């Protein structure tokens, strides 16, 4: 998986572009406009063309297989009063993107025609629409810094999800490793040379280092594969850029052809939004984010891995772990479910307490950090997480040293409580 993981992740980035390039073809739609209102009025794009013909719809359908058209767009004469009678006819199911584009183009043209017929100035009507884009400014020690709630939300959500996945993935590896050694009776040989606590910590720390190494390798190899692919196939990168540019230009062309210069302002506003977004991304301290991620990944993993190791030592097979897994997994799942609430109120009392309690802090604090966290909260959270790991390891070691040599008996919570008191 160390090798296959980056290949799969790089494929997720590369294959969609490749498929889009392979499937990129020009579609021509035959337009039969009985109303005469739409002749040369539907905006064309780089991949969608319209050919207006004067023919009968029945004849067009009869000759469709002999013509090289993607579809027939039939606009009846009564389109102004009954727009639902418009038909897009093809021998295959038209793509949703094509259908949506045609619908939007016709809808805007009909609205424009109705405004003119009513004597309403469409430019005046459009000028009433006002787009409000509030820039968020964060005060840092008397200095003003641009920020973005959207970027912070995405960054916090992704960091929280990654912590959630890694704790589960590598924590269960510890549990399965302990169960395997116990069921194969290898543990009896190993325990003659090392103390149970040393063995447990060796397994926990070892898998933690494996997890970190694998995570860093995934990042380096994934971006390495993508960069190499971009160097070998630069036309794909060019294609992606051109596709994104054409999408914006085609949208602007559709809007401007129907509502003229009002949407030019809207287009420039969208470009400003994009510039502001990249500016906000540039303001993020990724060094702090990466260091915090590594700390909370290691701290959260060590905390839960000790519980997973204790569970593995208390059972004889993986099927028996279910009764003990629930109390351990509830805090992780609860933290994951609370991320949306924390994002909406990252400075509230619930966010504070969940970000300092060791069982929930690895996920919740990573969600809060992009929004800005007071140093007191961060230091308190880190100290309590370290203390929580030490405490959980102490308790897990009591269960581990007894459980690894217990065979053939169903362990209960009452039995675990006895082991903790030994």
Foldseek 3Di string as FASTA:
>chain_A
DLVVLLVVVLCVVPVVLVVCVVPQAAAEEEEEAQQPLCVVLQDAFPRYHYDYDHDDPVVCVVCVVVDRHQWYWYHHNCCLPPVVVIDTGHPDDDDPVVVVSVVVLVVLSSVLVVCVVVVHDLLVVLVVDDDDDDWDWDQDPNDTDTADLVVLQVQLLVLLVVLLVLLVVLLLVLLVVLLVCLLVVVVVVVCVPDPLLVVSVCSLVVSLVVSVVSVVSSVVSNVVVNVVVCVVCVVSVVSVVVVVVSVLVSVLVSCCSRSNPSCVVVSVVVVVVVVSVVSNVVPFPVVVLVVLSSLLSSLQNLLLSLQSNLLSLQDNDPVLSVVVVVVLCVLSVVLSVCLVVCSVPVPDPVLLVLCQQLSRNSSSVSSNPSVPDDPVSVVNSSVNSVVSSVVSSLLSSLSNSPRSPDPDDRDDPVNSVVSSVD
